[in-house]
């Protein structure tokens, strides 16, 4: 039996043709940026945050990712906020504040 990837290759080439390889320099510069800065540097910084505040608190930063992405998209891509997106951001931030302000359980020493 063929794997899904191999099966799609057999289907896509005859039906839509060979993949198109992009040749514009900005495409490749963007790919390099994503590989170097948006991945390697970001993970290195995230691991530094984990060392500084611990994995439990650092995990809460993932709640901010979609909100930050929408804010950046508003600045650079003219994203228009809907009431549902705004309400989702408020709910996410409220949940984050509740989670971060919850009392920590006491740990046993020794």
Protein backbone atom coordinates (compact mmCIF):
# COMPACT_ATOMS: atom_id res chain seq x y z
CA UNK A 1 0.00 0.00 0.00
CA UNK A 2 1.29 3.49 -0.86
CA UNK A 3 1.78 6.11 1.78
CA UNK A 4 -0.49 9.19 1.50
CA UNK A 5 2.44 11.30 0.33
CA UNK A 6 3.39 8.87 -2.42
CA UNK A 7 -0.24 8.44 -3.43
CA UNK A 8 -0.76 12.21 -3.77
CA UNK A 9 2.38 12.44 -5.90
CA UNK A 10 0.98 9.85 -8.29
CA UNK A 11 -2.28 11.78 -8.50
CA UNK A 12 -1.07 15.39 -8.58
CA UNK A 13 1.54 15.20 -11.35
CA UNK A 14 -0.80 13.80 -14.02
CA UNK A 15 -3.72 16.01 -12.97
CA UNK A 16 -2.10 19.41 -12.29
CA UNK A 17 1.49 19.02 -13.47
CA UNK A 18 4.92 19.17 -11.89
CA UNK A 19 5.48 21.49 -8.94
CA UNK A 20 6.48 25.04 -9.78
CA UNK A 21 9.81 26.16 -8.34
CA UNK A 22 9.83 29.83 -7.39
CA UNK A 23 12.80 31.81 -8.74
CA UNK A 24 12.20 35.32 -7.34
CA UNK A 25 14.98 36.43 -4.94
CA UNK A 26 12.52 37.76 -2.35
CA UNK A 27 10.94 34.31 -2.15
CA UNK A 28 14.26 32.73 -1.27
CA UNK A 29 15.19 35.58 1.09
CA UNK A 30 11.87 35.06 2.86
CA UNK A 31 12.53 31.34 3.08
CA UNK A 32 15.97 32.00 4.58
CA UNK A 33 14.45 34.46 7.05
CA UNK A 34 11.88 31.90 8.17
CA UNK A 35 14.53 29.23 8.53
CA UNK A 36 17.08 31.34 10.40
CA UNK A 37 15.32 34.06 12.36
CA UNK A 38 11.73 32.93 12.70
CA UNK A 39 12.73 29.39 13.63
CA UNK A 40 16.28 28.98 14.90
CA UNK A 41 16.59 32.30 16.71
CA UNK A 42 13.01 32.17 18.02
CA UNK A 43 13.51 28.69 19.49
CA UNK A 44 16.78 29.75 21.09
CA UNK A 45 15.03 32.72 22.70
CA UNK A 46 12.12 30.53 23.80
CA UNK A 47 14.49 28.08 25.51
CA UNK A 48 16.10 31.01 27.32
CA UNK A 49 12.63 32.00 28.54
CA UNK A 50 12.00 28.43 29.70
CA UNK A 51 15.25 28.51 31.70
CA UNK A 52 14.37 31.87 33.22
CA UNK A 53 10.72 31.36 34.22
CA UNK A 54 10.15 27.62 33.90
CA UNK A 55 8.22 25.58 31.35
CA UNK A 56 4.78 26.05 32.92
CA UNK A 57 4.83 29.85 32.71
CA UNK A 58 6.62 29.84 29.34
CA UNK A 59 3.87 27.66 27.88
CA UNK A 60 1.36 30.45 28.47
CA UNK A 61 3.14 32.52 25.83
CA UNK A 62 1.49 30.36 23.17
CA UNK A 63 -1.81 32.06 24.05
CA UNK A 64 -0.34 35.37 22.91
CA UNK A 65 0.85 34.08 19.53
CA UNK A 66 -2.45 34.43 17.61
CA UNK A 67 -3.15 37.83 19.18
CA UNK A 68 0.32 39.09 18.29
CA UNK A 69 -0.08 37.72 14.76
CA UNK A 70 -3.36 39.60 14.33
CA UNK A 71 -1.78 42.81 15.67
CA UNK A 72 1.14 42.52 13.25
CA UNK A 73 -1.26 41.74 10.43
CA UNK A 74 -3.23 44.87 11.35
CA UNK A 75 -0.06 46.96 11.12
CA UNK A 76 1.42 45.49 7.95
CA UNK A 77 -1.43 43.87 6.01
CA UNK A 78 -4.44 46.06 6.85
CA UNK A 79 -6.21 43.29 8.75
CA UNK A 80 -9.70 44.33 9.85
CA UNK A 81 -10.74 43.07 13.26
CA UNK A 82 -14.19 41.58 13.55
CA UNK A 83 -16.09 41.60 16.82
CA UNK A 84 -15.51 37.83 17.02
CA UNK A 85 -11.72 38.24 16.68
CA UNK A 86 -11.73 40.99 19.31
CA UNK A 87 -13.87 38.90 21.67
CA UNK A 88 -11.55 35.94 21.16
CA UNK A 89 -8.55 38.08 22.02
CA UNK A 90 -10.26 39.35 25.17
CA UNK A 91 -11.20 35.81 26.23
CA UNK A 92 -7.65 34.55 25.57
CA UNK A 93 -6.06 37.39 27.52
CA UNK A 94 -8.56 37.00 30.37
CA UNK A 95 -7.80 33.30 30.60
CA UNK A 96 -4.09 34.03 30.56
CA UNK A 97 -4.42 36.55 33.40
CA UNK A 98 -6.49 34.11 35.45
CA UNK A 99 -3.98 31.31 34.88
CA UNK A 100 -0.98 33.46 35.75
CA UNK A 101 -2.58 34.90 38.89
CA UNK A 102 -3.68 31.52 40.29
CA UNK A 103 -1.91 30.51 43.50
CA UNK A 104 0.90 28.02 43.03
CA UNK A 105 0.72 24.73 44.92
CA UNK A 106 3.28 24.36 47.67
CA UNK A 107 6.12 22.01 46.85
CA UNK A 108 7.52 19.50 49.30
CA UNK A 109 11.08 20.11 50.33
CA UNK A 110 13.48 17.27 50.97
